[in-house]
Amino acid sequence: MICLAATLAMMLGVLVLRLLHPGPRHPDWIAAACDVGQGDALAVRTGPDAALVIDAGPDPSALDTCLDRLGIRTIEMLVITHVHEDHYAGASAAAEGREIKSLAFSSAEQGIPGEIRGLADEFAVDPERLGRGGNGELGPVRWEVLWPPAAEGSAGLTENDASAVLLIRTAGINFLFTGDLEEDAARQMLRTSPELRTEQVHVLKVAHHGARNSGQALPEELRPLLALISVGEENTYGHPAPETLRNLEAAGALVARTDQLGSFILHTDDAGKLMVSRLGRGP
C-alpha cells in the first residue's frame, strides 16, 4: 500500500511531498482525518489513548471504526462545529467503549439545539457553546476559538457561517479547523484574528469539504503548507471544487484528501519530518 509522506522543514517553511511504503504498524500520530464519507471527523491527539475530536461525520459506524483504529479510549472534548448532519450525526458512536469528558458546539440557533441537547444527555455532560476568545489546554494541545464572534453572537449568521473555527497548537504545528465557514465570514474572521497575522498556519482544514463557497480568502491569506479536505468519494456535490483546488495550489499548499487516501494520520519521523500516511487497520 502506498501512502503520502510530507516533509516539513519548520524553519524554512517548506513542505515537500513524496511517496513511501508504510510499515506494518502506524507510528504515534499528531492529528487524523477520518474517512466518514461526505462529512467531517477529525482528531488531535492529547495523550496515548486520548484525543480532541472535531466533528463526527454522518455515519456512526465509520466514526467508530476510525476511532478504534486510532486507539482512542478517551475523548477529552468533542466539538460539533455546527449543527448539520454531516458534522454531528455520527456522534452517538463516539461513546462506544469510550469516555467523553466534554461536549462543545456552535450553532446559528439561539440556546442549545435539540440535537446537541440529545448528545449531551447521552454522554452525561453539560454542553458548552463556543465563541471567540474561548480557549484551553488538553495535555500538549492548546486550543483557541477564533469564530463565531461571541458565544451568543451567532444571530444573523447561516448555520455554515456559525461554524466554530479553532486554532490548535501542538507538537510545534499550528492547525486551523474551519467547519463549513464560507467566504464572507472567513474574511470577517481574518479581520478579527490578529493571531493569524503573527503566527503561520501550517495545516488548514479546508472549509465545507472543498466546496466552491469555501473561497480563496483563507489559502490566499494564510498560505498553509498542507491542506486537509474531508470529503466523500464520488460525492454528488462536485466537492472539492476545481476552483478550490486551484486556490490551494496557487497558495503553495499540498493537499491530502479522504476521498483519495481514506482515513489518514499526521505524524513525525525520527528526523522530525511531518508525515501524512494512510491509517491502517490497527496494531
C-alpha atoms as a PDB file:
ATOM      1  CA  MET A   1       0.000   0.000   0.000  1.00  0.00           C
ATOM      2  CA  ILE A   2       1.364   3.421  -0.926  1.00  0.00           C
ATOM      3  CA  CYS A   3       0.966   6.378   1.372  1.00  0.00           C
ATOM      4  CA  LEU A   4       1.853  10.026   1.246  1.00  0.00           C
ATOM      5  CA  ALA A   5       4.677  11.407   3.296  1.00  0.00           C
ATOM      6  CA  ALA A   6       5.061  15.115   3.846  1.00  0.00           C
ATOM      7  CA  THR A   7       8.389  16.538   4.950  1.00  0.00           C
ATOM      8  CA  LEU A   8       8.027  19.728   6.954  1.00  0.00           C
ATOM      9  CA  ALA A   9      11.061  21.970   7.358  1.00  0.00           C
ATOM     10  CA  MET A  10       9.608  24.238  10.027  1.00  0.00           C
ATOM     11  CA  MET A  11      12.359  26.850  10.000  1.00  0.00           C
ATOM     12  CA  LEU A  12      12.360  27.131   6.219  1.00  0.00           C
ATOM     13  CA  GLY A  13       8.605  26.993   5.813  1.00  0.00           C
ATOM     14  CA  VAL A  14       8.985  24.346   3.095  1.00  0.00           C
ATOM     15  CA  LEU A  15       6.752  21.325   2.594  1.00  0.00           C
ATOM     16  CA  VAL A  16       7.758  18.516   0.231  1.00  0.00           C
ATOM     17  CA  LEU A  17       5.592  15.517  -0.644  1.00  0.00           C
ATOM     18  CA  ARG A  18       6.934  12.135  -1.636  1.00  0.00           C
ATOM     19  CA  LEU A  19       5.657   8.540  -1.893  1.00  0.00           C
ATOM     20  CA  LEU A  20       6.588   5.937   0.710  1.00  0.00           C
ATOM     21  CA  HIS A  21       5.516   2.448   1.680  1.00  0.00           C
ATOM     22  CA  PRO A  22       4.288   2.414   5.293  1.00  0.00           C
ATOM     23  CA  GLY A  23       5.454  -0.109   7.851  1.00  0.00           C
ATOM     24  CA  PRO A  24       3.176  -2.783   9.328  1.00  0.00           C
ATOM     25  CA  ARG A  25       2.222  -0.500  12.254  1.00  0.00           C
ATOM     26  CA  HIS A  26       1.303   3.145  12.189  1.00  0.00           C
ATOM     27  CA  PRO A  27       3.517   5.319  14.416  1.00  0.00           C
ATOM     28  CA  ASP A  28       2.362   7.730  17.065  1.00  0.00           C
ATOM     29  CA  TRP A  29       0.127  10.294  15.434  1.00  0.00           C
ATOM     30  CA  ILE A  30      -0.438  14.020  15.969  1.00  0.00           C
ATOM     31  CA  ALA A  31      -3.708  14.550  14.096  1.00  0.00           C
ATOM     32  CA  ALA A  32      -6.020  12.473  11.946  1.00  0.00           C
ATOM     33  CA  ALA A  33      -8.747  12.829   9.357  1.00  0.00           C
ATOM     34  CA  CYS A  34     -11.344  10.064   9.481  1.00  0.00           C
ATOM     35  CA  ASP A  35     -12.947   8.895   6.255  1.00  0.00           C
ATOM     36  CA  VAL A  36     -16.623   9.185   7.186  1.00  0.00           C
ATOM     37  CA  GLY A  37     -17.900   9.743   3.659  1.00  0.00           C
ATOM     38  CA  GLN A  38     -19.350  13.155   2.821  1.00  0.00           C
ATOM     39  CA  GLY A  39     -18.694  14.836   6.140  1.00  0.00           C
ATOM     40  CA  ASP A  40     -16.074  15.899   8.669  1.00  0.00           C
ATOM     41  CA  ALA A  41     -14.498  13.976  11.550  1.00  0.00           C
ATOM     42  CA  LEU A  42     -11.014  14.921  12.687  1.00  0.00           C
ATOM     43  CA  ALA A  43      -8.930  14.272  15.770  1.00  0.00           C
ATOM     44  CA  VAL A  44      -5.937  15.787  17.527  1.00  0.00           C
ATOM     45  CA  ARG A  45      -4.021  13.511  19.893  1.00  0.00           C
ATOM     46  CA  THR A  46      -3.912  14.681  23.514  1.00  0.00           C
ATOM     47  CA  GLY A  47      -2.408  11.565  25.115  1.00  0.00           C
ATOM     48  CA  PRO A  48      -1.536   7.885  24.492  1.00  0.00           C
ATOM     49  CA  ASP A  49      -5.203   6.891  24.048  1.00  0.00           C
ATOM     50  CA  ALA A  50      -6.918  10.289  24.173  1.00  0.00           C
ATOM     51  CA  ALA A  51      -7.904  12.966  21.693  1.00  0.00           C
ATOM     52  CA  LEU A  52      -9.755  16.163  20.972  1.00  0.00           C
ATOM     53  CA  VAL A  53     -12.317  15.197  18.304  1.00  0.00           C
ATOM     54  CA  ILE A  54     -13.687  17.833  15.940  1.00  0.00           C
ATOM     55  CA  ASP A  55     -16.975  16.821  14.304  1.00  0.00           C
ATOM     56  CA  ALA A  56     -18.334  13.312  13.961  1.00  0.00           C
ATOM     57  CA  GLY A  57     -19.443  12.858  10.356  1.00  0.00           C
ATOM     58  CA  PRO A  58     -22.786  11.426   9.218  1.00  0.00           C
ATOM     59  CA  ASP A  59     -22.053   7.714   9.800  1.00  0.00           C
ATOM     60  CA  PRO A  60     -21.687   6.280  13.331  1.00  0.00           C
ATOM     61  CA  SER A  61     -20.033   3.058  12.164  1.00  0.00           C
ATOM     62  CA  ALA A  62     -17.416   4.902  10.095  1.00  0.00           C
ATOM     63  CA  LEU A  63     -16.552   7.136  13.057  1.00  0.00           C
ATOM     64  CA  ASP A  64     -16.400   4.193  15.465  1.00  0.00           C
ATOM     65  CA  THR A  65     -14.065   2.279  13.145  1.00  0.00           C
ATOM     66  CA  CYS A  66     -11.713   5.225  12.746  1.00  0.00           C
ATOM     67  CA  LEU A  67     -11.556   5.993  16.478  1.00  0.00           C
ATOM     68  CA  ASP A  68     -10.841   2.311  17.173  1.00  0.00           C
ATOM     69  CA  ARG A  69      -8.003   2.296  14.638  1.00  0.00           C
ATOM     70  CA  LEU A  70      -6.558   5.377  16.285  1.00  0.00           C
ATOM     71  CA  GLY A  71      -6.715   3.672  19.670  1.00  0.00           C
ATOM     72  CA  ILE A  72      -8.838   6.432  21.219  1.00  0.00           C
ATOM     73  CA  ARG A  73     -10.434   5.446  24.512  1.00  0.00           C
ATOM     74  CA  THR A  74     -10.920   8.926  25.978  1.00  0.00           C
ATOM     75  CA  ILE A  75     -12.342  11.925  24.125  1.00  0.00           C
ATOM     76  CA  GLU A  76     -11.222  14.919  26.149  1.00  0.00           C
ATOM     77  CA  MET A  77     -13.527  17.201  24.182  1.00  0.00           C
ATOM     78  CA  LEU A  78     -15.914  16.536  21.322  1.00  0.00           C
ATOM     79  CA  VAL A  79     -16.511  19.672  19.260  1.00  0.00           C
ATOM     80  CA  ILE A  80     -19.500  19.914  16.927  1.00  0.00           C
ATOM     81  CA  THR A  81     -18.575  22.902  14.780  1.00  0.00           C
ATOM     82  CA  HIS A  82     -22.180  23.455  13.646  1.00  0.00           C
ATOM     83  CA  VAL A  83     -25.426  21.542  13.618  1.00  0.00           C
ATOM     84  CA  HIS A  84     -25.547  19.903  10.199  1.00  0.00           C
ATOM     85  CA  GLU A  85     -25.924  16.135   9.989  1.00  0.00           C
ATOM     86  CA  ASP A  86     -22.665  15.584   8.106  1.00  0.00           C
ATOM     87  CA  HIS A  87     -20.871  17.002  11.158  1.00  0.00           C
ATOM     88  CA  TYR A  88     -22.843  15.576  14.097  1.00  0.00           C
ATOM     89  CA  ALA A  89     -24.993  12.584  13.089  1.00  0.00           C
ATOM     90  CA  GLY A  90     -22.236  10.025  13.721  1.00  0.00           C
ATOM     91  CA  ALA A  91     -21.544  11.327  17.222  1.00  0.00           C
ATOM     92  CA  SER A  92     -23.502   8.646  19.068  1.00  0.00           C
ATOM     93  CA  ALA A  93     -20.717   6.190  18.183  1.00  0.00           C
ATOM     94  CA  ALA A  94     -18.140   8.312  19.976  1.00  0.00           C
ATOM     95  CA  ALA A  95     -19.272   6.869  23.310  1.00  0.00           C
ATOM     96  CA  GLU A  96     -18.999   3.233  22.180  1.00  0.00           C
ATOM     97  CA  GLY A  97     -16.426   1.926  24.643  1.00  0.00           C
ATOM     98  CA  ARG A  98     -15.043   5.442  25.216  1.00  0.00           C
ATOM     99  CA  GLU A  99     -15.320   8.148  27.842  1.00  0.00           C
ATOM    100  CA  ILE A 100     -16.407  11.572  26.631  1.00  0.00           C
ATOM    101  CA  LYS A 101     -15.346  14.231  29.100  1.00  0.00           C
ATOM    102  CA  SER A 102     -16.860  17.320  27.479  1.00  0.00           C
ATOM    103  CA  LEU A 103     -19.009  18.465  24.569  1.00  0.00           C
ATOM    104  CA  ALA A 104     -18.676  21.865  22.874  1.00  0.00           C
ATOM    105  CA  PHE A 105     -20.602  23.283  19.936  1.00  0.00           C
ATOM    106  CA  SER A 106     -21.516  26.265  17.826  1.00  0.00           C
ATOM    107  CA  SER A 107     -24.756  26.980  16.011  1.00  0.00           C
ATOM    108  CA  ALA A 108     -26.763  29.804  14.482  1.00  0.00           C
ATOM    109  CA  GLU A 109     -29.641  28.693  16.729  1.00  0.00           C
ATOM    110  CA  GLN A 110     -30.003  30.528  19.997  1.00  0.00           C
ATOM    111  CA  GLY A 111     -29.928  28.408  23.107  1.00  0.00           C
ATOM    112  CA  ILE A 112     -28.965  24.744  22.908  1.00  0.00           C
ATOM    113  CA  PRO A 113     -30.190  22.973  19.750  1.00  0.00           C
ATOM    114  CA  GLY A 114     -32.163  19.805  20.347  1.00  0.00           C
ATOM    115  CA  GLU A 115     -29.539  17.687  18.588  1.00  0.00           C
ATOM    116  CA  ILE A 116     -26.841  18.947  20.938  1.00  0.00           C
ATOM    117  CA  ARG A 117     -29.039  18.528  23.988  1.00  0.00           C
ATOM    118  CA  GLY A 118     -29.688  14.931  22.969  1.00  0.00           C
ATOM    119  CA  LEU A 119     -25.968  14.203  22.684  1.00  0.00           C
ATOM    120  CA  ALA A 120     -25.243  15.924  25.996  1.00  0.00           C
ATOM    121  CA  ASP A 121     -27.858  13.774  27.725  1.00  0.00           C
ATOM    122  CA  GLU A 122     -26.463  10.639  26.095  1.00  0.00           C
ATOM    123  CA  PHE A 123     -22.917  11.481  27.184  1.00  0.00           C
ATOM    124  CA  ALA A 124     -23.961  12.808  30.622  1.00  0.00           C
ATOM    125  CA  VAL A 125     -22.115  16.113  30.139  1.00  0.00           C
ATOM    126  CA  ASP A 126     -23.090  19.780  30.080  1.00  0.00           C
ATOM    127  CA  PRO A 127     -22.695  21.260  26.577  1.00  0.00           C
ATOM    128  CA  GLU A 128     -20.573  24.395  26.174  1.00  0.00           C
ATOM    129  CA  ARG A 129     -21.270  26.937  23.421  1.00  0.00           C
ATOM    130  CA  LEU A 130     -18.088  28.174  21.740  1.00  0.00           C
ATOM    131  CA  GLY A 131     -17.261  31.743  20.756  1.00  0.00           C
ATOM    132  CA  ARG A 132     -14.229  33.872  20.047  1.00  0.00           C
ATOM    133  CA  GLY A 133     -11.838  34.010  22.985  1.00  0.00           C
ATOM    134  CA  GLY A 134     -12.665  30.556  24.290  1.00  0.00           C
ATOM    135  CA  ASN A 135      -9.504  28.572  24.921  1.00  0.00           C
ATOM    136  CA  GLY A 136      -7.979  25.741  26.877  1.00  0.00           C
ATOM    137  CA  GLU A 137      -5.273  23.110  27.155  1.00  0.00           C
ATOM    138  CA  LEU A 138      -5.612  19.353  26.823  1.00  0.00           C
ATOM    139  CA  GLY A 139      -2.275  17.732  27.571  1.00  0.00           C
ATOM    140  CA  PRO A 140       0.161  19.074  24.962  1.00  0.00           C
ATOM    141  CA  VAL A 141      -2.649  20.619  22.897  1.00  0.00           C
ATOM    142  CA  ARG A 142      -3.614  24.284  23.176  1.00  0.00           C
ATOM    143  CA  TRP A 143      -6.856  25.332  21.520  1.00  0.00           C
ATOM    144  CA  GLU A 144      -8.368  28.747  20.864  1.00  0.00           C
ATOM    145  CA  VAL A 145     -11.692  29.734  19.287  1.00  0.00           C
ATOM    146  CA  LEU A 146     -11.441  32.432  16.586  1.00  0.00           C
ATOM    147  CA  TRP A 147     -15.063  32.342  15.364  1.00  0.00           C
ATOM    148  CA  PRO A 148     -18.006  32.962  15.792  1.00  0.00           C
ATOM    149  CA  PRO A 149     -17.574  36.471  17.238  1.00  0.00           C
ATOM    150  CA  ALA A 150     -19.025  35.541  20.639  1.00  0.00           C
ATOM    151  CA  ALA A 151     -20.614  32.538  22.278  1.00  0.00           C
ATOM    152  CA  GLU A 152     -24.067  34.118  21.946  1.00  0.00           C
ATOM    153  CA  GLY A 153     -23.180  36.172  18.858  1.00  0.00           C
ATOM    154  CA  SER A 154     -24.323  33.882  16.038  1.00  0.00           C
ATOM    155  CA  ALA A 155     -27.649  35.609  15.375  1.00  0.00           C
ATOM    156  CA  GLY A 156     -27.974  36.556  11.721  1.00  0.00           C
ATOM    157  CA  LEU A 157     -25.382  34.020  10.571  1.00  0.00           C
ATOM    158  CA  THR A 158     -26.223  30.985   8.472  1.00  0.00           C
ATOM    159  CA  GLU A 159     -25.519  27.645  10.121  1.00  0.00           C
ATOM    160  CA  ASN A 160     -22.394  27.199   7.978  1.00  0.00           C
ATOM    161  CA  ASP A 161     -21.117  30.649   8.911  1.00  0.00           C
ATOM    162  CA  ALA A 162     -21.769  29.967  12.597  1.00  0.00           C
ATOM    163  CA  SER A 163     -19.159  27.177  12.428  1.00  0.00           C
ATOM    164  CA  ALA A 164     -16.676  27.168  15.284  1.00  0.00           C
ATOM    165  CA  VAL A 165     -13.183  27.887  13.944  1.00  0.00           C
ATOM    166  CA  LEU A 166     -10.392  26.522  16.134  1.00  0.00           C
ATOM    167  CA  LEU A 167      -6.705  27.384  16.077  1.00  0.00           C
ATOM    168  CA  ILE A 168      -4.886  24.422  17.595  1.00  0.00           C
ATOM    169  CA  ARG A 169      -1.209  24.341  18.535  1.00  0.00           C
ATOM    170  CA  THR A 170       0.567  21.064  19.224  1.00  0.00           C
ATOM    171  CA  ALA A 171       3.964  19.485  18.508  1.00  0.00           C
ATOM    172  CA  GLY A 172       5.199  22.772  17.055  1.00  0.00           C
ATOM    173  CA  ILE A 173       2.459  22.745  14.407  1.00  0.00           C
ATOM    174  CA  ASN A 174      -0.417  25.214  14.068  1.00  0.00           C
ATOM    175  CA  PHE A 175      -3.701  23.810  12.746  1.00  0.00           C
ATOM    176  CA  LEU A 176      -6.781  25.772  11.693  1.00  0.00           C
ATOM    177  CA  PHE A 177     -10.063  23.831  11.726  1.00  0.00           C
ATOM    178  CA  THR A 178     -12.811  25.727   9.901  1.00  0.00           C
ATOM    179  CA  GLY A 179     -16.027  23.659   9.856  1.00  0.00           C
ATOM    180  CA  ASP A 180     -18.109  24.825   6.877  1.00  0.00           C
ATOM    181  CA  LEU A 181     -17.218  28.529   7.101  1.00  0.00           C
ATOM    182  CA  GLU A 182     -17.958  30.322   3.819  1.00  0.00           C
ATOM    183  CA  GLU A 183     -16.082  33.109   2.041  1.00  0.00           C
ATOM    184  CA  ASP A 184     -17.611  36.286   3.519  1.00  0.00           C
ATOM    185  CA  ALA A 185     -17.489  35.018   7.098  1.00  0.00           C
ATOM    186  CA  ALA A 186     -13.930  33.798   6.524  1.00  0.00           C
ATOM    187  CA  ARG A 187     -12.891  37.310   5.537  1.00  0.00           C
ATOM    188  CA  GLN A 188     -14.556  38.725   8.669  1.00  0.00           C
ATOM    189  CA  MET A 189     -12.793  36.120  10.787  1.00  0.00           C
ATOM    190  CA  LEU A 190      -9.435  37.069   9.263  1.00  0.00           C
ATOM    191  CA  ARG A 191     -10.030  40.752  10.070  1.00  0.00           C
ATOM    192  CA  THR A 192     -10.728  39.989  13.715  1.00  0.00           C
ATOM    193  CA  SER A 193      -7.974  37.402  14.261  1.00  0.00           C
ATOM    194  CA  PRO A 194      -4.557  39.053  14.703  1.00  0.00           C
ATOM    195  CA  GLU A 195      -3.191  35.647  15.706  1.00  0.00           C
ATOM    196  CA  LEU A 196      -3.377  34.628  12.062  1.00  0.00           C
ATOM    197  CA  ARG A 197      -1.149  37.549  11.060  1.00  0.00           C
ATOM    198  CA  THR A 198       1.555  36.816  13.619  1.00  0.00           C
ATOM    199  CA  GLU A 199       1.627  33.006  13.514  1.00  0.00           C
ATOM    200  CA  GLN A 200       1.852  30.773  10.481  1.00  0.00           C
ATOM    201  CA  VAL A 201      -0.905  28.240   9.957  1.00  0.00           C
ATOM    202  CA  HIS A 202       0.957  25.130   8.892  1.00  0.00           C
ATOM    203  CA  VAL A 203      -2.100  22.915   8.346  1.00  0.00           C
ATOM    204  CA  LEU A 204      -5.509  24.158   7.153  1.00  0.00           C
ATOM    205  CA  LYS A 205      -8.635  22.024   7.312  1.00  0.00           C
ATOM    206  CA  VAL A 206     -10.388  23.285   4.185  1.00  0.00           C
ATOM    207  CA  ALA A 207     -13.917  24.503   4.872  1.00  0.00           C
ATOM    208  CA  HIS A 208     -17.076  22.812   3.569  1.00  0.00           C
ATOM    209  CA  HIS A 209     -15.356  19.781   2.021  1.00  0.00           C
ATOM    210  CA  GLY A 210     -13.620  21.978  -0.543  1.00  0.00           C
ATOM    211  CA  ALA A 211     -16.861  23.458  -1.904  1.00  0.00           C
ATOM    212  CA  ARG A 212     -16.587  26.494  -4.176  1.00  0.00           C
ATOM    213  CA  ASN A 213     -18.021  28.717  -1.424  1.00  0.00           C
ATOM    214  CA  SER A 214     -15.115  27.790   0.851  1.00  0.00           C
ATOM    215  CA  GLY A 215     -13.421  30.541  -1.149  1.00  0.00           C
ATOM    216  CA  GLN A 216      -9.896  31.716  -1.655  1.00  0.00           C
ATOM    217  CA  ALA A 217      -9.535  34.102   1.304  1.00  0.00           C
ATOM    218  CA  LEU A 218      -8.040  31.597   3.748  1.00  0.00           C
ATOM    219  CA  PRO A 219      -5.487  29.924   1.463  1.00  0.00           C
ATOM    220  CA  GLU A 220      -4.529  33.252  -0.094  1.00  0.00           C
ATOM    221  CA  GLU A 221      -4.041  34.994   3.261  1.00  0.00           C
ATOM    222  CA  LEU A 222      -2.644  32.108   5.313  1.00  0.00           C
ATOM    223  CA  ARG A 223      -0.625  30.249   2.683  1.00  0.00           C
ATOM    224  CA  PRO A 224      -0.726  26.942   4.602  1.00  0.00           C
ATOM    225  CA  LEU A 225       1.877  24.308   3.911  1.00  0.00           C
ATOM    226  CA  LEU A 226      -0.672  21.477   3.965  1.00  0.00           C
ATOM    227  CA  ALA A 227      -4.435  21.467   3.330  1.00  0.00           C
ATOM    228  CA  LEU A 228      -6.739  18.705   4.581  1.00  0.00           C
ATOM    229  CA  ILE A 229     -10.008  18.044   2.754  1.00  0.00           C
ATOM    230  CA  SER A 230     -12.581  15.754   4.364  1.00  0.00           C
ATOM    231  CA  VAL A 231     -14.872  14.697   1.525  1.00  0.00           C
ATOM    232  CA  GLY A 232     -16.816  11.688   0.281  1.00  0.00           C
ATOM    233  CA  GLU A 233     -15.576   9.675  -2.681  1.00  0.00           C
ATOM    234  CA  GLU A 234     -17.705  10.254  -5.815  1.00  0.00           C
ATOM    235  CA  ASN A 235     -19.997  12.630  -3.912  1.00  0.00           C
ATOM    236  CA  THR A 236     -22.811  14.251  -5.891  1.00  0.00           C
ATOM    237  CA  TYR A 237     -21.855  17.833  -4.934  1.00  0.00           C
ATOM    238  CA  GLY A 238     -18.709  18.034  -7.044  1.00  0.00           C
ATOM    239  CA  HIS A 239     -16.540  18.524  -3.931  1.00  0.00           C
ATOM    240  CA  PRO A 240     -13.784  19.526  -3.870  1.00  0.00           C
ATOM    241  CA  ALA A 241     -14.460  22.204  -6.483  1.00  0.00           C
ATOM    242  CA  PRO A 242     -11.782  22.756  -9.154  1.00  0.00           C
ATOM    243  CA  GLU A 243     -11.620  26.429  -8.117  1.00  0.00           C
ATOM    244  CA  THR A 244     -10.807  25.433  -4.545  1.00  0.00           C
ATOM    245  CA  LEU A 245      -8.010  23.130  -5.649  1.00  0.00           C
ATOM    246  CA  ARG A 246      -6.609  25.863  -7.904  1.00  0.00           C
ATOM    247  CA  ASN A 247      -6.700  28.339  -4.994  1.00  0.00           C
ATOM    248  CA  LEU A 248      -4.801  25.912  -2.784  1.00  0.00           C
ATOM    249  CA  GLU A 249      -2.253  25.247  -5.498  1.00  0.00           C
ATOM    250  CA  ALA A 250      -1.778  28.988  -6.068  1.00  0.00           C
ATOM    251  CA  ALA A 251      -1.187  29.411  -2.318  1.00  0.00           C
ATOM    252  CA  GLY A 252       1.524  26.748  -2.429  1.00  0.00           C
ATOM    253  CA  ALA A 253      -0.364  24.208  -0.302  1.00  0.00           C
ATOM    254  CA  LEU A 254      -0.126  20.488  -0.749  1.00  0.00           C
ATOM    255  CA  VAL A 255      -3.444  18.662  -0.361  1.00  0.00           C
ATOM    256  CA  ALA A 256      -4.425  15.457   1.456  1.00  0.00           C
ATOM    257  CA  ARG A 257      -7.991  14.237   0.828  1.00  0.00           C
ATOM    258  CA  THR A 258     -10.045  11.492   2.462  1.00  0.00           C
ATOM    259  CA  ASP A 259     -11.701  10.600  -0.862  1.00  0.00           C
ATOM    260  CA  GLN A 260      -8.241   9.694  -2.192  1.00  0.00           C
ATOM    261  CA  LEU A 261      -6.462   8.388   0.931  1.00  0.00           C
ATOM    262  CA  GLY A 262      -9.288   7.159   3.128  1.00  0.00           C
ATOM    263  CA  SER A 263      -8.588   7.861   6.803  1.00  0.00           C
ATOM    264  CA  PHE A 264      -5.111   9.259   7.309  1.00  0.00           C
ATOM    265  CA  ILE A 265      -2.828  10.443  10.069  1.00  0.00           C
ATOM    266  CA  LEU A 266      -0.217  13.147  10.518  1.00  0.00           C
ATOM    267  CA  HIS A 267       2.865  12.057  12.433  1.00  0.00           C
ATOM    268  CA  THR A 268       6.602  12.729  12.565  1.00  0.00           C
ATOM    269  CA  ASP A 269       9.564  10.508  11.773  1.00  0.00           C
ATOM    270  CA  ASP A 270      12.809  10.274  13.755  1.00  0.00           C
ATOM    271  CA  ALA A 271      14.188  13.277  11.891  1.00  0.00           C
ATOM    272  CA  GLY A 272      11.212  15.440  12.865  1.00  0.00           C
ATOM    273  CA  LYS A 273       9.662  15.372   9.395  1.00  0.00           C
ATOM    274  CA  LEU A 274       5.889  15.640   9.234  1.00  0.00           C
ATOM    275  CA  MET A 275       4.377  12.618   7.537  1.00  0.00           C
ATOM    276  CA  VAL A 276       0.896  12.089   6.077  1.00  0.00           C
ATOM    277  CA  SER A 277       0.080   8.374   5.968  1.00  0.00           C
ATOM    278  CA  ARG A 278      -2.945   6.235   5.328  1.00  0.00           C
ATOM    279  CA  LEU A 279      -4.348   4.855   8.550  1.00  0.00           C
ATOM    280  CA  GLY A 280      -4.018   1.101   8.733  1.00  0.00           C
ATOM    281  CA  ARG A 281      -6.396  -1.299  10.395  1.00  0.00           C
ATOM    282  CA  GLY A 282      -4.816  -1.039  13.830  1.00  0.00           C
ATOM    283  CA  PRO A 283      -1.727  -2.509  15.525  1.00  0.00           C
END
